[in-house]
Amino acid sequence: MTAILVPKKILIIGFVWPEPSSTAAGSRMLQLLLFFKSNNYQITFASTAQESDFSMQLETLGVQKKSIRLNDSGFNQFIQELKPDIVLFDRFLTEEQFGWRVAKNSPNALRILDTEDLHSLRSVRMEAEKNKKTASITDWKQADITKREIGSIYRCDLSLIISSYEMELLLNEIKIDKKILVFLPFMLDPIRETNKMNWRSFEDRKNFISIGNGKHAPNIDAIHWLKKEIWPLIRAQLQTVNLHIYGGYLPESILRLHQPKEGFFVMGRAESATEVLGVARVSLAPLRFGAGIKGKLVDAMLSGTPNVTTEIGAEGMHANLQWSGMISNDAAIIAKNAVVLYTKKEIWTKCQDQGVAIINKLYDKTILEGFLLQRINETINNLKDHRISNFTGAMLMHHTMASTKYMAKWIEAKNQ
């Protein structure tokens, strides 16, 4: 008699419903969904957020959906009945809200935090940029949001870290035990010769492109910086060349920057990022703050489009490999690099090849998925000892149970 293989269960608690076509976070979540589906997991995705017109149709992947509420004891019964083997929080905010309920009502479930990027690092850098300062590691370590995010990492059994820079930060500055961290960048199919054959040539491409979601503050700042300082310098040397700005949810402050006479075109949402990147010759991503790895730059490499970015833009994305374009933090040098990359075919081709090497050597889906599966299985099989060795996490969960739990109960009672 053939044994029936019982699907394992994973509950993913999302801060928002995933939008792979709009955000890097959405693309990351799709990669994780496909990973768990391919490993025979029955997936339930839950969120307190409202779905948008661009939310992914999760049903097409066979993913069950569940709307949940904050400070609602109904979640306790829901997770008790679901009995998940794994609960994944898609950023530290959802772990703060639901982690203690998961630990209490589904204590044997492996708790995984997908940090997406270190939100605390991005927040501290954004505040520093507003004050025309450079954020230091000390600034980051002293910020309240950092203490919250690090606490969330400790309370979980495993945390997925997307950037090599952020992995080093957690290991070297915070001294987090590497047993609770998993370095996991984007999981991508390699760029093959057949893919490259479909790319447009240097001569068949024209114009610059800048792409990014309008709800993401670093993108908005980058567009304003482009318009005010960088693009005028480029346009002065390339007077017939245009810049196309793409992104969903662009605010009115960006829409007003549309100036065709200056070659500055605000195009709005792109149906396909790789399609619009694939017809442009150079991508511009002058990010003055941010964290994680940048989906727009990954998409550029996947489209064979060299880029000009900043140190923060390229941070944690290319290990010791040559970058897929040029890097500078100075507006004048960014503009100069953009002109060189746009006009020099030999340099452009070299940068394109370097992008292929980055994707194929650092983001190989097969290797990364195998590594993730191994870490998950090892941790599940030794969960008791794994948690005993993480005393700091146990201590923080104890205090969370004693504080957040009663605050949530008070809010729930008040709302009734």
Protein backbone atom coordinates (compact mmCIF):
# COMPACT_ATOMS: atom_id res chain seq x y z
CA MET A 1 0.00 0.00 0.00
CA THR A 2 1.44 3.37 -1.02
CA ALA A 3 1.83 5.85 1.83
CA ILE A 4 -0.03 9.13 1.41
CA LEU A 5 2.28 12.14 1.60
CA VAL A 6 0.68 14.68 3.91
CA PRO A 7 1.46 18.26 2.87
CA LYS A 8 3.28 20.34 5.40
CA LYS A 9 1.63 23.62 6.32
CA ILE A 10 3.03 27.13 6.34
CA LEU A 11 1.23 30.28 7.46
CA ILE A 12 2.66 33.51 6.03
CA ILE A 13 1.61 36.68 7.82
CA GLY A 14 2.06 39.64 5.50
CA PHE A 15 2.09 43.31 6.39
CA VAL A 16 0.51 43.86 2.96
CA TRP A 17 -0.76 41.59 0.19
CA PRO A 18 2.12 40.94 -2.24
CA GLU A 19 2.44 42.95 -5.46
CA PRO A 20 5.28 41.33 -7.44
CA SER A 21 4.79 43.70 -10.38
CA SER A 22 5.09 46.80 -8.17
CA THR A 23 7.62 46.17 -5.43
CA ALA A 24 10.86 44.31 -4.71
CA ALA A 25 9.21 43.02 -1.52
CA GLY A 26 6.43 41.55 -3.65
CA SER A 27 8.95 39.84 -5.92
CA ARG A 28 10.75 38.44 -2.90
CA MET A 29 7.50 37.06 -1.49
CA LEU A 30 6.63 35.41 -4.81
CA GLN A 31 10.03 33.66 -4.77
CA LEU A 32 9.33 32.35 -1.27
CA LEU A 33 5.81 31.22 -2.20
CA LEU A 34 7.17 29.28 -5.18
CA PHE A 35 9.88 27.74 -3.00
CA PHE A 36 7.43 26.44 -0.40
CA LYS A 37 4.97 25.27 -3.05
CA SER A 38 7.71 23.28 -4.81
CA ASN A 39 8.52 21.63 -1.48
CA ASN A 40 4.97 20.37 -0.94
CA TYR A 41 3.83 22.98 1.56
CA GLN A 42 0.18 23.89 1.89
CA ILE A 43 0.33 27.68 2.04
CA THR A 44 -2.00 30.10 3.81
CA PHE A 45 -1.33 33.82 3.42
CA ALA A 46 -2.89 36.11 6.02
CA SER A 47 -2.86 39.89 6.31
CA THR A 48 -4.59 42.74 8.11
CA ALA A 49 -4.26 44.95 5.02
CA GLN A 50 -6.77 45.69 2.27
CA GLU A 51 -6.04 44.17 -1.13
CA SER A 52 -5.34 46.53 -4.03
CA ASP A 53 -6.05 46.25 -7.75
CA PHE A 54 -2.44 45.14 -8.19
CA SER A 55 -2.34 42.50 -5.45
CA MET A 56 -1.23 39.12 -6.70
CA GLN A 57 -3.99 36.59 -7.34
CA LEU A 58 -2.69 34.09 -4.81
CA GLU A 59 -5.37 31.56 -5.72
CA THR A 60 -3.59 30.92 -9.01
CA LEU A 61 -0.74 29.39 -6.99
CA GLY A 62 -3.11 27.37 -4.84
CA VAL A 63 -2.49 29.67 -1.87
CA GLN A 64 -5.32 30.05 0.63
CA LYS A 65 -6.07 33.58 1.83
CA LYS A 66 -7.15 34.75 5.25
CA SER A 67 -8.02 38.26 6.42
CA ILE A 68 -6.98 38.82 10.02
CA ARG A 69 -7.29 41.70 12.46
CA LEU A 70 -4.97 43.34 14.94
CA ASN A 71 -5.58 42.76 18.66
CA ASP A 72 -8.14 40.07 17.93
CA SER A 73 -8.22 36.84 19.93
CA GLY A 74 -9.97 35.21 16.97
CA PHE A 75 -6.47 34.75 15.51
CA ASN A 76 -5.71 32.36 18.38
CA GLN A 77 -8.45 29.94 17.36
CA PHE A 78 -7.54 30.30 13.67
CA ILE A 79 -3.93 29.23 14.18
CA GLN A 80 -4.86 26.48 16.65
CA GLU A 81 -7.10 24.95 13.99
CA LEU A 82 -4.60 25.48 11.16
CA LYS A 83 -1.71 23.80 13.05
CA PRO A 84 1.07 25.16 10.80
CA ASP A 85 4.53 23.58 10.73
CA ILE A 86 6.04 26.98 9.89
CA VAL A 87 4.91 30.56 10.44
CA LEU A 88 6.71 33.20 8.37
CA PHE A 89 6.47 36.92 9.17
CA ASP A 90 7.18 39.12 6.15
CA ARG A 91 8.82 41.91 8.22
CA PHE A 92 9.46 42.66 11.86
CA LEU A 93 6.25 44.68 12.23
CA THR A 94 4.10 41.59 11.69
CA GLU A 95 6.22 39.59 14.14
CA GLU A 96 5.68 42.32 16.74
CA GLN A 97 1.93 42.12 16.20
CA PHE A 98 1.44 38.37 15.96
CA GLY A 99 4.63 36.66 17.15
CA TRP A 100 3.52 36.19 20.74
CA ARG A 101 0.17 34.77 19.62
CA VAL A 102 1.95 32.30 17.35
CA ALA A 103 4.34 31.26 20.15
CA LYS A 104 1.46 30.73 22.59
CA ASN A 105 -1.05 29.01 20.30
CA SER A 106 1.28 27.14 17.95
CA PRO A 107 4.43 26.60 20.04
CA ASN A 108 5.85 23.82 17.86
CA ALA A 109 5.73 25.85 14.64
CA LEU A 110 9.07 27.07 13.30
CA ARG A 111 9.01 30.88 13.36
CA ILE A 112 10.81 32.55 10.43
CA LEU A 113 11.27 36.29 9.91
CA ASP A 114 11.86 37.53 6.39
CA THR A 115 13.43 40.90 7.13
CA GLU A 116 13.18 41.97 3.41
CA ASP A 117 15.72 44.59 4.38
CA LEU A 118 16.70 46.04 7.72
CA HIS A 119 13.92 48.59 8.09
CA SER A 120 15.81 50.18 10.97
CA LEU A 121 18.84 50.84 8.77
CA ARG A 122 16.69 52.45 6.08
CA SER A 123 14.84 54.55 8.68
CA VAL A 124 18.02 55.85 10.34
CA ARG A 125 19.58 56.66 6.98
CA MET A 126 16.43 58.50 5.86
CA GLU A 127 16.43 60.61 9.01
CA ALA A 128 20.11 61.42 8.54
CA GLU A 129 19.52 62.46 4.92
CA LYS A 130 16.75 64.82 6.03
CA ASN A 131 19.24 66.45 8.40
CA LYS A 132 21.97 66.52 5.74
CA LYS A 133 24.11 64.13 7.76
CA THR A 134 25.71 60.76 7.15
CA ALA A 135 24.22 57.99 9.28
CA SER A 136 26.79 56.07 11.32
CA ILE A 137 26.70 52.54 12.68
CA THR A 138 26.47 54.11 16.14
CA ASP A 139 23.36 56.07 15.07
CA TRP A 140 21.79 52.84 13.88
CA LYS A 141 22.63 50.89 17.03
CA GLN A 142 21.21 53.64 19.26
CA ALA A 143 17.88 54.02 17.43
CA ASP A 144 14.74 52.66 19.07
CA ILE A 145 13.54 51.06 15.83
CA THR A 146 16.80 49.08 15.67
CA LYS A 147 16.19 47.64 19.14
CA ARG A 148 12.69 46.64 18.04
CA GLU A 149 13.90 44.98 14.84
CA ILE A 150 16.80 43.15 16.52
CA GLY A 151 14.39 41.96 19.21
CA SER A 152 12.16 40.50 16.51
CA ILE A 153 15.14 38.69 14.95
CA TYR A 154 16.04 37.14 18.32
CA ARG A 155 12.46 36.02 19.02
CA CYS A 156 12.31 34.09 15.75
CA ASP A 157 13.98 30.73 15.12
CA LEU A 158 15.44 31.86 11.78
CA SER A 159 15.68 35.25 10.07
CA LEU A 160 16.23 35.61 6.34
CA ILE A 161 18.77 38.36 5.56
CA ILE A 162 18.76 39.59 1.97
CA SER A 163 21.91 41.74 1.88
CA SER A 164 25.48 40.59 2.52
CA TYR A 165 26.20 44.00 4.08
CA GLU A 166 23.33 43.59 6.53
CA MET A 167 24.43 40.03 7.33
CA GLU A 168 27.89 41.34 8.27
CA LEU A 169 26.32 44.15 10.30
CA LEU A 170 24.27 41.73 12.39
CA LEU A 171 27.15 39.31 12.90
CA ASN A 172 29.91 41.82 13.59
CA GLU A 173 28.16 44.78 15.24
CA ILE A 174 25.30 43.10 17.13
CA LYS A 175 27.09 39.75 17.56
CA ILE A 176 23.99 37.75 16.70
CA ASP A 177 24.61 34.00 16.58
CA LYS A 178 24.76 32.94 12.92
CA LYS A 179 22.64 29.89 13.81
CA ILE A 180 19.53 32.07 13.77
CA LEU A 181 20.45 33.94 10.55
CA VAL A 182 20.11 32.76 6.95
CA PHE A 183 21.75 34.81 4.21
CA LEU A 184 19.23 34.62 1.38
CA PRO A 185 19.30 37.15 -1.48
CA PHE A 186 16.87 37.00 -4.39
CA MET A 187 16.47 33.47 -5.78
CA LEU A 188 16.69 33.80 -9.57
CA ASP A 189 17.10 31.69 -12.68
CA PRO A 190 20.55 32.18 -14.24
CA ILE A 191 20.95 34.41 -17.29
CA ARG A 192 21.67 32.03 -20.17
CA GLU A 193 22.98 32.67 -23.67
CA THR A 194 19.44 32.28 -25.01
CA ASN A 195 18.34 35.13 -22.73
CA LYS A 196 21.19 37.34 -23.89
CA MET A 197 20.35 36.67 -27.54
CA ASN A 198 16.94 38.27 -26.95
CA TRP A 199 18.41 41.46 -25.51
CA ARG A 200 18.53 44.56 -27.65
CA SER A 201 21.97 45.69 -28.74
CA PHE A 202 23.68 48.90 -27.65
CA GLU A 203 22.64 50.55 -30.96
CA ASP A 204 19.01 49.38 -30.65
CA ARG A 205 18.55 50.98 -27.25
CA LYS A 206 18.04 54.64 -26.42
CA ASN A 207 17.29 56.95 -23.52
CA PHE A 208 17.75 56.64 -19.78
CA ILE A 209 15.32 55.04 -17.36
CA SER A 210 14.69 55.31 -13.63
CA ILE A 211 12.21 52.91 -12.07
CA GLY A 212 10.86 52.48 -8.55
CA ASN A 213 7.70 52.26 -6.49
CA GLY A 214 6.26 55.60 -5.40
CA LYS A 215 5.45 54.38 -1.89
CA HIS A 216 9.16 53.85 -1.21
CA ALA A 217 10.76 57.03 0.18
CA PRO A 218 14.28 56.38 -1.23
CA ASN A 219 12.81 56.26 -4.75
CA ILE A 220 11.00 59.57 -4.36
CA ASP A 221 14.13 61.26 -3.05
CA ALA A 222 16.15 59.84 -5.97
CA ILE A 223 13.70 61.21 -8.55
CA HIS A 224 13.80 64.69 -7.02
CA TRP A 225 17.60 64.57 -6.95
CA LEU A 226 17.62 63.49 -10.60
CA LYS A 227 15.34 66.31 -11.63
CA LYS A 228 17.05 69.06 -9.65
CA GLU A 229 20.76 68.30 -9.98
CA ILE A 230 21.69 65.25 -12.04
CA TRP A 231 19.51 65.26 -15.15
CA PRO A 232 20.28 68.89 -16.17
CA LEU A 233 23.99 67.98 -16.27
CA ILE A 234 23.32 64.89 -18.41
CA ARG A 235 20.89 66.67 -20.72
CA ALA A 236 23.38 69.49 -21.32
CA GLN A 237 25.71 66.96 -22.96
CA LEU A 238 23.09 64.69 -24.55
CA GLN A 239 20.52 67.20 -25.76
CA THR A 240 18.31 64.78 -27.73
CA VAL A 241 18.25 62.03 -25.10
CA ASN A 242 15.34 61.57 -22.69
CA LEU A 243 14.82 60.17 -19.21
CA HIS A 244 11.74 58.04 -18.53
CA ILE A 245 10.54 57.74 -14.92
CA TYR A 246 8.50 54.60 -14.18
CA GLY A 247 6.80 53.45 -11.00
CA GLY A 248 3.47 52.59 -9.47
CA TYR A 249 1.87 54.86 -6.86
CA LEU A 250 3.90 57.92 -7.88
CA PRO A 251 2.73 60.90 -5.77
CA GLU A 252 1.57 64.22 -7.17
CA SER A 253 4.93 65.81 -6.28
CA ILE A 254 6.56 63.47 -8.83
CA LEU A 255 3.84 63.70 -11.48
CA ARG A 256 4.34 67.48 -11.52
CA LEU A 257 7.97 67.00 -12.57
CA HIS A 258 6.92 65.81 -16.04
CA GLN A 259 8.72 68.20 -18.43
CA PRO A 260 8.95 66.88 -22.03
CA LYS A 261 10.83 70.01 -23.16
CA GLU A 262 13.58 69.06 -20.71
CA GLY A 263 13.51 65.42 -21.77
CA PHE A 264 12.11 64.45 -18.36
CA PHE A 265 9.12 62.13 -18.83
CA VAL A 266 7.12 60.80 -15.87
CA MET A 267 5.55 57.64 -17.33
CA GLY A 268 3.85 56.07 -14.30
CA ARG A 269 3.32 52.35 -13.73
CA ALA A 270 5.04 49.88 -16.05
CA GLU A 271 3.26 46.65 -16.89
CA SER A 272 6.64 44.92 -17.01
CA ALA A 273 9.80 46.34 -15.44
CA THR A 274 12.08 44.19 -17.59
CA GLU A 275 10.32 45.27 -20.79
CA VAL A 276 10.83 49.00 -20.21
CA LEU A 277 14.34 48.42 -18.90
CA GLY A 278 15.12 46.30 -21.95
CA VAL A 279 14.62 49.16 -24.41
CA ALA A 280 16.60 51.72 -22.38
CA ARG A 281 20.37 52.01 -22.72
CA VAL A 282 21.19 53.01 -19.12
CA SER A 283 19.33 52.80 -15.82
CA LEU A 284 19.75 55.59 -13.24
CA ALA A 285 19.31 54.80 -9.53
CA PRO A 286 20.82 57.63 -7.45
CA LEU A 287 19.67 56.36 -4.04
CA ARG A 288 20.84 58.53 -1.14
CA PHE A 289 19.40 56.25 1.54
CA GLY A 290 17.84 52.82 1.76
CA ALA A 291 18.73 49.26 2.72
CA GLY A 292 18.59 45.70 1.45
CA ILE A 293 19.22 44.81 -2.16
CA LYS A 294 17.54 46.85 -4.85
CA GLY A 295 14.98 45.13 -7.05
CA LYS A 296 15.30 47.83 -9.71
CA LEU A 297 19.02 47.05 -10.10
CA VAL A 298 18.42 43.31 -10.18
CA ASP A 299 15.79 43.89 -12.90
CA ALA A 300 18.28 46.03 -14.81
CA MET A 301 20.85 43.24 -14.79
CA LEU A 302 18.19 40.72 -15.84
CA SER A 303 17.37 43.05 -18.76
CA GLY A 304 21.01 43.54 -19.82
CA THR A 305 20.83 47.23 -18.89
CA PRO A 306 23.92 48.73 -17.19
CA ASN A 307 23.25 51.23 -14.42
CA VAL A 308 24.60 54.25 -12.62
CA THR A 309 23.97 54.21 -8.88
CA THR A 310 25.37 55.14 -5.47
CA GLU A 311 27.26 53.18 -2.83
CA ILE A 312 24.00 52.55 -0.99
CA GLY A 313 22.38 51.47 -4.26
CA ALA A 314 24.98 48.77 -4.91
CA GLU A 315 25.49 47.90 -1.23
CA GLY A 316 25.35 44.22 -0.33
CA MET A 317 24.54 43.17 -3.90
CA HIS A 318 27.74 42.11 -5.63
CA ALA A 319 30.20 40.67 -3.06
CA ASN A 320 33.70 41.05 -4.54
CA LEU A 321 32.51 41.05 -8.16
CA GLN A 322 32.78 44.07 -10.46
CA TRP A 323 29.60 46.17 -10.49
CA SER A 324 27.20 46.19 -13.45
CA GLY A 325 27.75 49.88 -14.10
CA MET A 326 29.27 52.84 -12.26
CA ILE A 327 29.05 53.96 -8.64
CA SER A 328 29.32 57.47 -7.15
CA ASN A 329 27.63 59.57 -4.47
CA ASP A 330 28.34 62.94 -6.13
CA ALA A 331 25.75 64.43 -8.52
CA ALA A 332 28.34 65.75 -10.98
CA ILE A 333 30.20 62.44 -11.11
CA ILE A 334 26.96 60.50 -11.43
CA ALA A 335 26.08 62.64 -14.45
CA LYS A 336 29.56 62.19 -15.93
CA ASN A 337 29.38 58.42 -15.44
CA ALA A 338 25.93 58.34 -17.05
CA VAL A 339 27.21 60.10 -20.17
CA VAL A 340 30.23 57.79 -20.42
CA LEU A 341 28.12 54.68 -20.04
CA TYR A 342 25.58 55.98 -22.55
CA THR A 343 28.14 56.85 -25.23
CA LYS A 344 30.95 54.30 -24.84
CA LYS A 345 29.88 50.92 -26.23
CA GLU A 346 32.94 49.05 -24.99
CA ILE A 347 32.40 50.17 -21.38
CA TRP A 348 28.66 49.57 -21.66
CA THR A 349 29.18 46.00 -22.91
CA LYS A 350 31.69 45.25 -20.16
CA CYS A 351 29.24 46.45 -17.50
CA GLN A 352 26.47 44.35 -19.05
CA ASP A 353 28.68 41.25 -18.81
CA GLN A 354 29.49 42.08 -15.19
CA GLY A 355 25.77 42.16 -14.41
CA VAL A 356 25.39 38.68 -15.89
CA ALA A 357 28.22 37.42 -13.67
CA ILE A 358 26.60 38.91 -10.55
CA ILE A 359 23.23 37.26 -11.22
CA ASN A 360 24.69 33.88 -12.16
CA LYS A 361 27.22 33.64 -9.34
CA LEU A 362 25.31 35.19 -6.42
CA TYR A 363 21.59 34.72 -7.08
CA ASP A 364 21.39 31.16 -8.43
CA LYS A 365 17.93 29.90 -7.50
CA THR A 366 18.86 26.20 -7.35
CA ILE A 367 21.77 26.73 -4.96
CA LEU A 368 19.92 29.18 -2.69
CA GLU A 369 16.75 27.08 -2.50
CA GLY A 370 18.79 24.02 -1.54
CA PHE A 371 20.55 25.98 1.18
CA LEU A 372 17.27 27.37 2.55
CA LEU A 373 15.62 23.94 2.61
CA GLN A 374 18.60 22.47 4.46
CA ARG A 375 18.54 25.20 7.13
CA ILE A 376 14.78 24.86 7.62
CA ASN A 377 14.89 21.07 7.96
CA GLU A 378 17.90 21.13 10.29
CA THR A 379 16.21 23.66 12.55
CA ILE A 380 12.86 21.87 12.63
CA ASN A 381 14.58 18.58 13.49
CA ASN A 382 16.47 20.20 16.37
CA LEU A 383 13.98 22.88 17.38
CA LYS A 384 14.10 22.30 21.14
CA ASP A 385 17.90 22.53 21.36
CA HIS A 386 17.92 25.40 18.85
CA ARG A 387 15.64 27.43 21.12
CA ILE A 388 17.51 26.52 24.29
CA SER A 389 20.71 27.87 22.71
CA ASN A 390 18.96 31.16 21.90
CA PHE A 391 18.54 32.38 25.48
CA THR A 392 18.23 36.02 24.43
CA GLY A 393 15.31 35.16 22.17
CA ALA A 394 13.58 33.19 24.91
CA MET A 395 14.05 36.04 27.36
CA LEU A 396 12.63 38.59 24.92
CA MET A 397 9.66 36.37 24.12
CA HIS A 398 8.98 36.01 27.87
CA HIS A 399 8.87 39.77 28.32
CA THR A 400 6.79 40.20 25.16
CA MET A 401 4.27 37.71 26.52
CA ALA A 402 4.12 39.69 29.73
CA SER A 403 3.63 43.10 28.11
CA THR A 404 2.36 43.03 24.52
CA LYS A 405 -0.09 40.27 25.37
CA TYR A 406 -1.89 42.33 28.01
CA MET A 407 -1.74 45.51 25.98
CA ALA A 408 -3.40 43.63 23.08
CA LYS A 409 -6.05 42.24 25.42
CA TRP A 410 -6.75 45.76 26.75
CA ILE A 411 -7.08 47.17 23.22
CA GLU A 412 -9.37 44.33 22.20
CA ALA A 413 -11.59 44.89 25.23
CA LYS A 414 -11.61 48.63 24.63
CA ASN A 415 -12.64 48.13 20.98
CA GLN A 416 -15.56 46.00 22.05
